[in-house]
Protein backbone atom coordinates (compact mmCIF):
# COMPACT_ATOMS: atom_id res chain seq x y z
CA MET A 1 103.60 94.48 110.51
CA ALA A 2 101.62 97.27 111.89
CA VAL A 3 98.33 98.18 110.24
CA GLU A 4 99.26 102.07 109.66
CA ALA A 5 102.02 100.40 108.06
CA GLU A 6 99.90 98.20 105.64
CA ILE A 7 97.10 100.81 105.11
CA PHE A 8 100.04 103.24 103.48
CA GLY A 9 101.60 100.38 101.33
CA LYS A 10 98.36 99.54 99.84
CA ARG A 11 97.39 103.24 99.13
CA LEU A 12 101.10 103.38 97.83
CA ARG A 13 100.92 100.43 95.35
CA GLN A 14 97.36 102.23 94.12
CA LEU A 15 99.22 105.05 93.46
CA ARG A 16 102.12 103.89 91.80
CA LEU A 17 100.10 101.50 89.18
CA GLU A 18 97.58 104.69 88.36
CA ALA A 19 100.62 106.45 87.31
CA GLY A 20 101.85 103.39 85.01
CA TRP A 21 104.92 103.17 87.19
CA THR A 22 106.76 99.84 87.62
CA GLN A 23 108.85 100.39 91.09
CA GLU A 24 112.02 101.58 89.67
CA GLN A 25 110.22 103.90 87.80
CA PHE A 26 108.67 104.97 91.54
CA ALA A 27 111.97 104.68 93.20
CA GLU A 28 113.91 106.97 91.04
CA ALA A 29 111.09 109.63 90.74
CA ALA A 30 111.05 109.54 95.45
CA GLY A 31 114.92 109.00 95.67
CA ILE A 32 114.62 105.92 96.95
CA THR A 33 115.77 102.68 96.78
CA THR A 34 113.29 99.91 94.39
CA THR A 35 113.96 97.57 98.19
CA TYR A 36 112.38 100.48 100.62
CA THR A 37 109.39 100.70 97.62
CA SER A 38 109.01 96.99 98.06
CA ASP A 39 109.62 97.50 101.82
CA LEU A 40 106.80 100.19 102.04
CA GLU A 41 104.60 98.41 99.86
CA ARG A 42 104.31 95.54 101.86
CA GLY A 43 103.80 97.28 104.96
CA THR A 44 107.27 96.38 106.42
CA LYS A 45 108.36 99.60 106.72
CA VAL A 46 106.96 102.80 107.80
CA PRO A 47 107.74 105.97 106.11
CA SER A 48 109.77 108.79 107.67
CA LEU A 49 108.61 112.58 107.38
CA THR A 50 111.39 113.09 104.80
CA ILE A 51 110.36 110.07 102.75
CA LEU A 52 106.81 111.22 102.80
CA LEU A 53 107.63 114.59 100.99
CA ARG A 54 110.03 112.84 98.58
CA ILE A 55 106.66 110.35 97.73
CA SER A 56 104.51 112.88 97.66
CA ARG A 57 106.24 115.24 95.35
CA ALA A 58 106.90 112.57 93.19
CA PHE A 59 103.31 112.12 92.81
CA ARG A 60 102.81 116.51 92.76
CA MET A 61 100.01 115.58 95.17
CA SER A 62 100.49 117.06 99.32
CA VAL A 63 100.84 114.70 101.93
CA ALA A 64 97.30 115.39 103.11
CA ASP A 65 96.64 113.72 99.74
CA LEU A 66 98.87 110.93 100.00
CA LEU A 67 97.74 110.31 103.35
CA SER A 68 94.12 110.55 102.47
CA ASP A 69 93.35 107.46 103.79
CA PHE A 70 94.19 107.77 106.96
CA THR A 71 90.40 109.71 108.17
CA LYS A 72 89.51 111.03 111.07
CA ASP A 73 87.17 107.97 112.11
CA ALA A 74 89.95 105.36 110.32
CA VAL A 75 92.92 106.64 112.99
CA ARG A 76 90.93 106.36 115.86
CA ARG A 77 90.15 102.91 115.08
CA LEU A 78 94.05 102.59 114.79
CA ARG A 79 95.77 100.65 118.04
CA LEU A 80 98.86 102.79 118.23
CA ASP A 81 100.52 101.27 121.10
């Protein structure tokens, strides 16, 4: 499991819970499956740009805000081999 996928998954779950959505409600709002939602939250999948755009639209936020946990320092520390 990639560290960046884990970081994104935690952020996604946090946002979903703050919105008061179940995984099913979020998946419908984002136009993705509940299985994929679960995979993203567990950090077993990494979203494509298209999926990032769908997710940001569902939360009515920019992709930059969606990825706010990926600060310059955090990205610098990641091993992206």
